[in-house]
Amino acid sequence: MTVIVLMGVSGCGKTTIGQAIAARLGWQFQEGDALHPSENVAKMAGGTPLVDADRWPWLDRIAGVIDGWRAQGLSGVVTCSALKRAYRDILVGNRADVRLVYMRGDQPTVAARLAARKGHFMPPALLASQFATLQAPGEDERPVIADITQSPGAIVDHVAAAVS
C-alpha cells in the first residue's frame, strides 16, 4: 500500500498526472482542490492568495483522506500544492507509506499553461505568490521529482517506476 501526494504550484499538471497515475496503477484518486472550503475558493477566485490560517483546515481534510485510505489498506494519489515543508509535514510526516512527488517546473512554463487553462478558480495572477511561497522538498523528504516539461506519459512512467 502506497499513497502519493502529488505536489507543485497551480498549473503544473497535478490533476492530469495524478489521474493518469491512479488509472495506470488502479489506485484511488482525490483532487485536493475539491477539498478546499468554499471560503478558500472564493478568496482565490477573487485574486487573493491564501494564508496559512486558510490552509490548515484544508490540509487536515487531505490528511484525513490519506489516513482513511491507509486504514482501509488502499493505495491512492492525492493532489495538493503542498508548497511549504510545514504543509507536507501534515500530509506525509512520519508516514513511511506516503510518498511525495514534486511536479517541478519554472515560472514561464507554468504561466503559459495557466494562460491556456479554462474553468479553474485559480487565476494566473496568483502564480507569482505560489512561486514565492514554494519551498522545494529536501532530500530528507524522499521526493520523486517529475520534470513537467516531459510528456505526460513519460512523467507517469517515471513516477510509477519510482513508487513501485
N, C-alpha and C. Protein backbone atom coordinates (compact mmCIF):
# COMPACT_ATOMS: atom_id res chain seq x y z
N MET A 1 0.84 -1.17 0.00
CA MET A 1 0.00 0.00 0.00
C MET A 1 0.89 1.24 0.00
N THR A 2 0.56 2.16 -0.89
CA THR A 2 1.30 3.41 -1.02
C THR A 2 0.31 4.53 -1.31
N VAL A 3 0.56 5.68 -0.73
CA VAL A 3 -0.19 6.88 -1.08
C VAL A 3 0.81 7.89 -1.61
N ILE A 4 0.47 8.51 -2.73
CA ILE A 4 1.30 9.55 -3.33
C ILE A 4 0.63 10.89 -3.08
N VAL A 5 1.42 11.86 -2.57
CA VAL A 5 1.00 13.26 -2.53
C VAL A 5 1.71 13.93 -3.69
N LEU A 6 0.92 14.32 -4.69
CA LEU A 6 1.45 14.95 -5.89
C LEU A 6 1.40 16.46 -5.68
N MET A 7 2.57 17.08 -5.56
CA MET A 7 2.66 18.49 -5.16
C MET A 7 3.26 19.35 -6.26
N GLY A 8 2.99 20.66 -6.16
CA GLY A 8 3.57 21.65 -7.05
C GLY A 8 2.63 22.83 -7.17
N VAL A 9 3.12 23.87 -7.82
CA VAL A 9 2.33 25.09 -7.97
C VAL A 9 1.12 24.83 -8.86
N SER A 10 0.15 25.72 -8.78
CA SER A 10 -1.05 25.64 -9.62
C SER A 10 -0.65 25.68 -11.09
N GLY A 11 -1.20 24.76 -11.87
CA GLY A 11 -0.92 24.73 -13.30
C GLY A 11 0.23 23.84 -13.72
N CYS A 12 0.84 23.13 -12.76
CA CYS A 12 1.99 22.29 -13.11
C CYS A 12 1.57 20.93 -13.67
N GLY A 13 0.29 20.59 -13.57
CA GLY A 13 -0.18 19.33 -14.13
C GLY A 13 -0.55 18.27 -13.12
N LYS A 14 -0.75 18.67 -11.87
CA LYS A 14 -1.04 17.69 -10.81
C LYS A 14 -2.26 16.83 -11.12
N THR A 15 -3.35 17.44 -11.55
CA THR A 15 -4.58 16.69 -11.79
C THR A 15 -4.41 15.72 -12.95
N THR A 16 -3.89 16.21 -14.07
CA THR A 16 -3.69 15.36 -15.25
C THR A 16 -2.81 14.17 -14.92
N ILE A 17 -1.67 14.43 -14.30
CA ILE A 17 -0.73 13.36 -13.99
C ILE A 17 -1.28 12.46 -12.89
N GLY A 18 -1.88 13.05 -11.87
CA GLY A 18 -2.44 12.25 -10.78
C GLY A 18 -3.50 11.28 -11.24
N GLN A 19 -4.41 11.75 -12.10
CA GLN A 19 -5.45 10.87 -12.63
C GLN A 19 -4.83 9.76 -13.47
N ALA A 20 -3.82 10.09 -14.25
CA ALA A 20 -3.18 9.09 -15.11
C ALA A 20 -2.43 8.04 -14.28
N ILE A 21 -1.74 8.47 -13.23
CA ILE A 21 -1.04 7.51 -12.37
C ILE A 21 -2.05 6.59 -11.68
N ALA A 22 -3.10 7.17 -11.13
CA ALA A 22 -4.13 6.37 -10.45
C ALA A 22 -4.76 5.37 -11.41
N ALA A 23 -5.05 5.81 -12.64
CA ALA A 23 -5.65 4.91 -13.63
C ALA A 23 -4.67 3.78 -13.99
N ARG A 24 -3.42 4.13 -14.19
CA ARG A 24 -2.41 3.13 -14.59
C ARG A 24 -2.25 2.08 -13.50
N LEU A 25 -2.20 2.52 -12.24
CA LEU A 25 -1.91 1.61 -11.13
C LEU A 25 -3.17 1.01 -10.49
N GLY A 26 -4.34 1.50 -10.91
CA GLY A 26 -5.59 1.02 -10.31
C GLY A 26 -5.79 1.50 -8.88
N TRP A 27 -5.31 2.71 -8.61
CA TRP A 27 -5.36 3.29 -7.27
C TRP A 27 -6.50 4.29 -7.16
N GLN A 28 -6.80 4.68 -5.93
CA GLN A 28 -7.76 5.74 -5.64
C GLN A 28 -7.18 7.07 -6.11
N PHE A 29 -8.07 8.05 -6.36
CA PHE A 29 -7.62 9.39 -6.72
C PHE A 29 -8.47 10.42 -6.00
N GLN A 30 -7.81 11.45 -5.47
CA GLN A 30 -8.52 12.57 -4.85
C GLN A 30 -7.89 13.87 -5.31
N GLU A 31 -8.69 14.73 -5.91
CA GLU A 31 -8.27 16.07 -6.29
C GLU A 31 -8.30 16.92 -5.02
N GLY A 32 -7.15 17.37 -4.57
CA GLY A 32 -7.07 18.14 -3.34
C GLY A 32 -7.87 19.43 -3.39
N ASP A 33 -7.93 20.07 -4.55
CA ASP A 33 -8.68 21.33 -4.67
C ASP A 33 -10.16 21.14 -4.33
N ALA A 34 -10.68 19.94 -4.56
CA ALA A 34 -12.09 19.67 -4.28
C ALA A 34 -12.37 19.69 -2.78
N LEU A 35 -11.33 19.63 -1.96
CA LEU A 35 -11.49 19.62 -0.50
C LEU A 35 -11.35 21.01 0.12
N HIS A 36 -11.07 22.02 -0.71
CA HIS A 36 -10.97 23.39 -0.19
C HIS A 36 -12.32 23.84 0.36
N PRO A 37 -12.33 24.49 1.52
CA PRO A 37 -13.57 25.13 1.97
C PRO A 37 -14.00 26.19 0.93
N SER A 38 -15.29 26.42 0.82
CA SER A 38 -15.79 27.37 -0.17
C SER A 38 -15.19 28.76 0.02
N GLU A 39 -14.89 29.12 1.26
CA GLU A 39 -14.28 30.44 1.53
C GLU A 39 -12.92 30.56 0.85
N ASN A 40 -12.14 29.47 0.84
CA ASN A 40 -10.83 29.49 0.19
C ASN A 40 -10.98 29.68 -1.32
N VAL A 41 -11.91 28.94 -1.91
CA VAL A 41 -12.13 29.03 -3.35
C VAL A 41 -12.54 30.45 -3.73
N ALA A 42 -13.46 31.03 -2.96
CA ALA A 42 -13.91 32.40 -3.24
C ALA A 42 -12.75 33.39 -3.12
N LYS A 43 -11.93 33.19 -2.11
CA LYS A 43 -10.80 34.09 -1.89
C LYS A 43 -9.82 34.03 -3.08
N MET A 44 -9.47 32.82 -3.50
CA MET A 44 -8.54 32.66 -4.62
C MET A 44 -9.16 33.16 -5.92
N ALA A 45 -10.43 32.83 -6.15
CA ALA A 45 -11.11 33.27 -7.37
C ALA A 45 -11.15 34.80 -7.45
N GLY A 46 -11.18 35.45 -6.28
CA GLY A 46 -11.17 36.90 -6.23
C GLY A 46 -9.78 37.50 -6.34
N GLY A 47 -8.76 36.65 -6.48
CA GLY A 47 -7.40 37.14 -6.67
C GLY A 47 -6.60 37.32 -5.41
N THR A 48 -7.11 36.82 -4.26
CA THR A 48 -6.40 36.97 -3.00
C THR A 48 -5.70 35.65 -2.64
N PRO A 49 -4.39 35.68 -2.45
CA PRO A 49 -3.69 34.45 -2.07
C PRO A 49 -4.13 33.97 -0.69
N LEU A 50 -4.09 32.67 -0.50
CA LEU A 50 -4.40 32.11 0.81
C LEU A 50 -3.23 32.36 1.76
N VAL A 51 -3.55 32.44 3.05
CA VAL A 51 -2.54 32.49 4.10
C VAL A 51 -2.62 31.17 4.86
N ASP A 52 -1.63 30.93 5.71
CA ASP A 52 -1.58 29.65 6.42
C ASP A 52 -2.87 29.34 7.17
N ALA A 53 -3.47 30.33 7.80
CA ALA A 53 -4.71 30.08 8.55
C ALA A 53 -5.81 29.54 7.65
N ASP A 54 -5.80 29.93 6.37
CA ASP A 54 -6.78 29.41 5.40
C ASP A 54 -6.48 27.96 5.05
N ARG A 55 -5.21 27.63 5.05
CA ARG A 55 -4.78 26.32 4.56
C ARG A 55 -4.91 25.20 5.58
N TRP A 56 -4.76 25.49 6.87
CA TRP A 56 -4.73 24.39 7.86
C TRP A 56 -5.95 23.48 7.79
N PRO A 57 -7.20 24.01 7.75
CA PRO A 57 -8.35 23.09 7.67
C PRO A 57 -8.36 22.25 6.39
N TRP A 58 -7.92 22.86 5.30
CA TRP A 58 -7.84 22.15 4.01
C TRP A 58 -6.83 21.01 4.11
N LEU A 59 -5.66 21.30 4.65
CA LEU A 59 -4.63 20.27 4.79
C LEU A 59 -5.10 19.14 5.71
N ASP A 60 -5.83 19.48 6.75
CA ASP A 60 -6.38 18.45 7.65
C ASP A 60 -7.36 17.55 6.90
N ARG A 61 -8.16 18.13 6.00
CA ARG A 61 -9.10 17.32 5.20
C ARG A 61 -8.33 16.34 4.30
N ILE A 62 -7.29 16.84 3.67
CA ILE A 62 -6.49 15.98 2.79
C ILE A 62 -5.82 14.88 3.60
N ALA A 63 -5.25 15.23 4.75
CA ALA A 63 -4.63 14.22 5.62
C ALA A 63 -5.66 13.17 6.03
N GLY A 64 -6.90 13.59 6.24
CA GLY A 64 -7.97 12.66 6.58
C GLY A 64 -8.23 11.66 5.47
N VAL A 65 -8.19 12.12 4.22
CA VAL A 65 -8.36 11.21 3.08
C VAL A 65 -7.20 10.21 3.05
N ILE A 66 -5.99 10.71 3.22
CA ILE A 66 -4.80 9.85 3.22
C ILE A 66 -4.92 8.79 4.31
N ASP A 67 -5.26 9.21 5.51
CA ASP A 67 -5.35 8.26 6.62
C ASP A 67 -6.52 7.29 6.45
N GLY A 68 -7.59 7.74 5.80
CA GLY A 68 -8.70 6.85 5.51
C GLY A 68 -8.29 5.74 4.56
N TRP A 69 -7.57 6.10 3.50
CA TRP A 69 -7.07 5.08 2.57
C TRP A 69 -6.14 4.12 3.29
N ARG A 70 -5.22 4.67 4.09
CA ARG A 70 -4.25 3.83 4.80
C ARG A 70 -4.97 2.85 5.73
N ALA A 71 -5.99 3.33 6.42
CA ALA A 71 -6.75 2.47 7.35
C ALA A 71 -7.44 1.33 6.61
N GLN A 72 -7.83 1.59 5.35
CA GLN A 72 -8.51 0.58 4.54
C GLN A 72 -7.53 -0.27 3.71
N GLY A 73 -6.24 0.05 3.79
CA GLY A 73 -5.25 -0.69 3.02
C GLY A 73 -5.28 -0.37 1.54
N LEU A 74 -5.74 0.83 1.19
CA LEU A 74 -5.85 1.25 -0.20
C LEU A 74 -4.68 2.14 -0.61
N SER A 75 -4.22 1.96 -1.82
CA SER A 75 -3.23 2.86 -2.39
C SER A 75 -3.96 3.99 -3.10
N GLY A 76 -3.34 5.16 -3.17
CA GLY A 76 -4.01 6.28 -3.80
C GLY A 76 -3.07 7.40 -4.16
N VAL A 77 -3.63 8.34 -4.92
CA VAL A 77 -2.93 9.55 -5.33
C VAL A 77 -3.81 10.73 -4.94
N VAL A 78 -3.22 11.68 -4.22
CA VAL A 78 -3.94 12.90 -3.87
C VAL A 78 -3.10 14.08 -4.36
N THR A 79 -3.78 15.06 -4.95
CA THR A 79 -3.08 16.26 -5.40
C THR A 79 -3.22 17.36 -4.36
N CYS A 80 -2.14 18.09 -4.18
CA CYS A 80 -2.13 19.22 -3.24
C CYS A 80 -0.90 20.05 -3.56
N SER A 81 -1.06 21.36 -3.60
CA SER A 81 0.10 22.21 -3.88
C SER A 81 1.22 21.94 -2.88
N ALA A 82 0.90 21.78 -1.59
CA ALA A 82 1.88 21.42 -0.55
C ALA A 82 3.17 22.24 -0.70
N LEU A 83 3.01 23.54 -0.84
CA LEU A 83 4.14 24.40 -1.18
C LEU A 83 5.18 24.54 -0.08
N LYS A 84 4.78 24.43 1.16
CA LYS A 84 5.73 24.60 2.28
C LYS A 84 6.00 23.28 2.97
N ARG A 85 7.18 23.19 3.54
CA ARG A 85 7.56 22.00 4.31
C ARG A 85 6.54 21.74 5.43
N ALA A 86 6.08 22.78 6.09
CA ALA A 86 5.12 22.60 7.19
C ALA A 86 3.83 21.94 6.69
N TYR A 87 3.43 22.23 5.47
CA TYR A 87 2.23 21.62 4.91
C TYR A 87 2.48 20.14 4.63
N ARG A 88 3.65 19.86 4.08
CA ARG A 88 4.00 18.46 3.76
C ARG A 88 4.17 17.64 5.02
N ASP A 89 4.60 18.28 6.10
CA ASP A 89 4.71 17.55 7.37
C ASP A 89 3.34 17.05 7.83
N ILE A 90 2.28 17.79 7.53
CA ILE A 90 0.92 17.36 7.88
C ILE A 90 0.49 16.20 6.99
N LEU A 91 0.84 16.25 5.72
CA LEU A 91 0.37 15.27 4.75
C LEU A 91 1.21 14.00 4.70
N VAL A 92 2.50 14.14 4.85
CA VAL A 92 3.41 13.00 4.76
C VAL A 92 3.92 12.64 6.15
N GLY A 93 4.52 13.62 6.82
CA GLY A 93 5.01 13.41 8.18
C GLY A 93 5.86 12.16 8.30
N ASN A 94 5.54 11.34 9.29
CA ASN A 94 6.28 10.09 9.54
C ASN A 94 5.61 8.88 8.89
N ARG A 95 4.71 9.11 7.97
CA ARG A 95 4.01 8.02 7.29
C ARG A 95 4.95 7.43 6.21
N ALA A 96 5.60 6.33 6.52
CA ALA A 96 6.57 5.73 5.59
C ALA A 96 5.92 5.27 4.30
N ASP A 97 4.61 5.01 4.31
CA ASP A 97 3.91 4.53 3.12
C ASP A 97 3.33 5.66 2.29
N VAL A 98 3.65 6.91 2.63
CA VAL A 98 3.20 8.07 1.85
C VAL A 98 4.42 8.68 1.18
N ARG A 99 4.35 8.79 -0.16
CA ARG A 99 5.45 9.31 -0.95
C ARG A 99 5.09 10.67 -1.53
N LEU A 100 6.06 11.52 -1.59
CA LEU A 100 5.92 12.86 -2.15
C LEU A 100 6.43 12.85 -3.59
N VAL A 101 5.62 13.36 -4.50
CA VAL A 101 6.05 13.54 -5.89
C VAL A 101 5.95 15.04 -6.18
N TYR A 102 7.09 15.63 -6.53
CA TYR A 102 7.19 17.07 -6.79
C TYR A 102 7.18 17.31 -8.29
N MET A 103 6.11 17.97 -8.74
CA MET A 103 5.98 18.37 -10.14
C MET A 103 6.76 19.67 -10.32
N ARG A 104 8.01 19.54 -10.76
CA ARG A 104 8.91 20.69 -10.82
C ARG A 104 8.91 21.33 -12.21
N GLY A 105 8.72 22.65 -12.20
CA GLY A 105 8.77 23.41 -13.45
C GLY A 105 9.07 24.86 -13.15
N ASP A 106 9.47 25.59 -14.17
CA ASP A 106 9.79 27.01 -13.96
C ASP A 106 8.56 27.88 -14.19
N GLN A 107 8.66 29.11 -13.72
CA GLN A 107 7.51 30.01 -13.76
C GLN A 107 7.03 30.31 -15.19
N PRO A 108 7.89 30.56 -16.16
CA PRO A 108 7.39 30.82 -17.52
C PRO A 108 6.61 29.63 -18.11
N THR A 109 7.08 28.41 -17.87
CA THR A 109 6.39 27.22 -18.38
C THR A 109 5.00 27.10 -17.76
N VAL A 110 4.93 27.26 -16.44
CA VAL A 110 3.65 27.13 -15.75
C VAL A 110 2.72 28.29 -16.13
N ALA A 111 3.26 29.49 -16.26
CA ALA A 111 2.43 30.65 -16.64
C ALA A 111 1.77 30.42 -18.00
N ALA A 112 2.51 29.85 -18.94
CA ALA A 112 1.94 29.57 -20.27
C ALA A 112 0.80 28.56 -20.15
N ARG A 113 0.95 27.56 -19.30
CA ARG A 113 -0.11 26.57 -19.10
C ARG A 113 -1.34 27.21 -18.45
N LEU A 114 -1.11 28.04 -17.45
CA LEU A 114 -2.23 28.70 -16.77
C LEU A 114 -3.00 29.60 -17.73
N ALA A 115 -2.28 30.28 -18.61
CA ALA A 115 -2.93 31.19 -19.56
C ALA A 115 -3.87 30.42 -20.50
N ALA A 116 -3.54 29.16 -20.76
CA ALA A 116 -4.35 28.34 -21.66
C ALA A 116 -5.46 27.57 -20.93
N ARG A 117 -5.42 27.54 -19.61
CA ARG A 117 -6.38 26.75 -18.83
C ARG A 117 -7.69 27.49 -18.69
N LYS A 118 -8.77 26.75 -18.82
CA LYS A 118 -10.11 27.34 -18.73
C LYS A 118 -10.89 26.69 -17.58
N GLY A 119 -11.71 27.48 -16.90
CA GLY A 119 -12.65 26.94 -15.94
C GLY A 119 -12.10 26.59 -14.57
N HIS A 120 -10.91 27.07 -14.23
CA HIS A 120 -10.36 26.79 -12.89
C HIS A 120 -10.43 28.07 -12.07
N PHE A 121 -10.69 27.91 -10.77
CA PHE A 121 -10.86 29.09 -9.90
C PHE A 121 -9.57 29.85 -9.64
N MET A 122 -8.42 29.22 -9.86
CA MET A 122 -7.14 29.85 -9.54
C MET A 122 -6.71 30.76 -10.69
N PRO A 123 -6.72 32.07 -10.48
CA PRO A 123 -6.33 32.97 -11.57
C PRO A 123 -4.81 32.99 -11.78
N PRO A 124 -4.37 33.15 -13.04
CA PRO A 124 -2.94 33.21 -13.33
C PRO A 124 -2.21 34.30 -12.54
N ALA A 125 -2.92 35.34 -12.12
CA ALA A 125 -2.29 36.43 -11.37
C ALA A 125 -1.70 35.97 -10.04
N LEU A 126 -2.18 34.83 -9.51
CA LEU A 126 -1.66 34.35 -8.22
C LEU A 126 -0.44 33.44 -8.36
N LEU A 127 0.00 33.17 -9.59
CA LEU A 127 1.14 32.28 -9.78
C LEU A 127 2.40 32.78 -9.10
N ALA A 128 2.67 34.08 -9.20
CA ALA A 128 3.88 34.63 -8.57
C ALA A 128 3.87 34.37 -7.07
N SER A 129 2.70 34.47 -6.44
CA SER A 129 2.62 34.21 -4.99
C SER A 129 2.89 32.74 -4.69
N GLN A 130 2.50 31.86 -5.60
CA GLN A 130 2.76 30.43 -5.41
C GLN A 130 4.26 30.16 -5.46
N PHE A 131 4.94 30.72 -6.45
CA PHE A 131 6.39 30.52 -6.54
C PHE A 131 7.11 31.17 -5.36
N ALA A 132 6.60 32.29 -4.88
CA ALA A 132 7.22 32.96 -3.72
C ALA A 132 7.09 32.10 -2.46
N THR A 133 6.00 31.36 -2.36
CA THR A 133 5.75 30.51 -1.19
C THR A 133 6.46 29.17 -1.29
N LEU A 134 6.70 28.69 -2.50
CA LEU A 134 7.24 27.36 -2.73
C LEU A 134 8.58 27.12 -2.02
N GLN A 135 8.60 26.07 -1.23
CA GLN A 135 9.83 25.55 -0.63
C GLN A 135 10.03 24.17 -1.26
N ALA A 136 10.98 24.07 -2.17
CA ALA A 136 11.22 22.78 -2.83
C ALA A 136 11.54 21.73 -1.78
N PRO A 137 11.05 20.50 -1.98
CA PRO A 137 11.31 19.47 -0.98
C PRO A 137 12.79 19.12 -0.86
N GLY A 138 13.20 18.85 0.36
CA GLY A 138 14.58 18.46 0.63
C GLY A 138 14.77 16.96 0.43
N GLU A 139 16.01 16.55 0.33
CA GLU A 139 16.35 15.13 0.15
C GLU A 139 15.74 14.26 1.24
N ASP A 140 15.69 14.79 2.47
CA ASP A 140 15.16 14.01 3.59
C ASP A 140 13.66 13.73 3.46
N GLU A 141 12.99 14.42 2.52
CA GLU A 141 11.56 14.18 2.29
C GLU A 141 11.35 13.06 1.27
N ARG A 142 12.43 12.49 0.75
CA ARG A 142 12.39 11.39 -0.22
C ARG A 142 11.50 11.70 -1.42
N PRO A 143 11.64 12.90 -2.01
CA PRO A 143 10.74 13.22 -3.12
C PRO A 143 11.10 12.49 -4.41
N VAL A 144 10.09 12.14 -5.15
CA VAL A 144 10.26 11.75 -6.54
C VAL A 144 10.07 13.06 -7.30
N ILE A 145 11.04 13.41 -8.13
CA ILE A 145 10.97 14.68 -8.84
C ILE A 145 10.58 14.42 -10.29
N ALA A 146 9.49 15.06 -10.72
CA ALA A 146 9.00 14.93 -12.07
C ALA A 146 9.18 16.26 -12.79
N ASP A 147 9.85 16.22 -13.93
CA ASP A 147 10.09 17.40 -14.75
C ASP A 147 8.85 17.64 -15.61
N ILE A 148 8.16 18.75 -15.38
CA ILE A 148 6.89 18.98 -16.08
C ILE A 148 7.05 19.26 -17.57
N THR A 149 8.28 19.44 -18.05
CA THR A 149 8.47 19.63 -19.49
C THR A 149 8.45 18.30 -20.24
N GLN A 150 8.48 17.19 -19.51
CA GLN A 150 8.37 15.87 -20.13
C GLN A 150 6.92 15.63 -20.54
N SER A 151 6.70 14.67 -21.40
CA SER A 151 5.33 14.33 -21.81
C SER A 151 4.60 13.71 -20.62
N PRO A 152 3.26 13.82 -20.59
CA PRO A 152 2.52 13.17 -19.50
C PRO A 152 2.85 11.68 -19.38
N GLY A 153 2.96 11.00 -20.51
CA GLY A 153 3.28 9.57 -20.47
C GLY A 153 4.63 9.29 -19.83
N ALA A 154 5.62 10.12 -20.16
CA ALA A 154 6.96 9.94 -19.58
C ALA A 154 6.94 10.22 -18.08
N ILE A 155 6.18 11.22 -17.67
CA ILE A 155 6.08 11.53 -16.24
C ILE A 155 5.41 10.38 -15.50
N VAL A 156 4.31 9.86 -16.05
CA VAL A 156 3.61 8.74 -15.41
C VAL A 156 4.53 7.53 -15.33
N ASP A 157 5.26 7.24 -16.40
CA ASP A 157 6.20 6.11 -16.37
C ASP A 157 7.23 6.30 -15.26
N HIS A 158 7.80 7.50 -15.17
CA HIS A 158 8.83 7.80 -14.17
C HIS A 158 8.29 7.63 -12.76
N VAL A 159 7.13 8.21 -12.49
CA VAL A 159 6.56 8.15 -11.14
C VAL A 159 6.14 6.72 -10.79
N ALA A 160 5.49 6.04 -11.71
CA ALA A 160 5.05 4.67 -11.45
C ALA A 160 6.24 3.77 -11.13
N ALA A 161 7.34 3.93 -11.86
CA ALA A 161 8.54 3.13 -11.60
C ALA A 161 9.16 3.49 -10.25
N ALA A 162 9.14 4.77 -9.91
CA ALA A 162 9.78 5.22 -8.67
C ALA A 162 9.03 4.77 -7.42
N VAL A 163 7.71 4.63 -7.51
CA VAL A 163 6.93 4.29 -6.31
C VAL A 163 6.62 2.79 -6.22
N SER A 164 6.96 2.04 -7.26
CA SER A 164 6.69 0.59 -7.26
C SER A 164 7.71 -0.16 -6.43
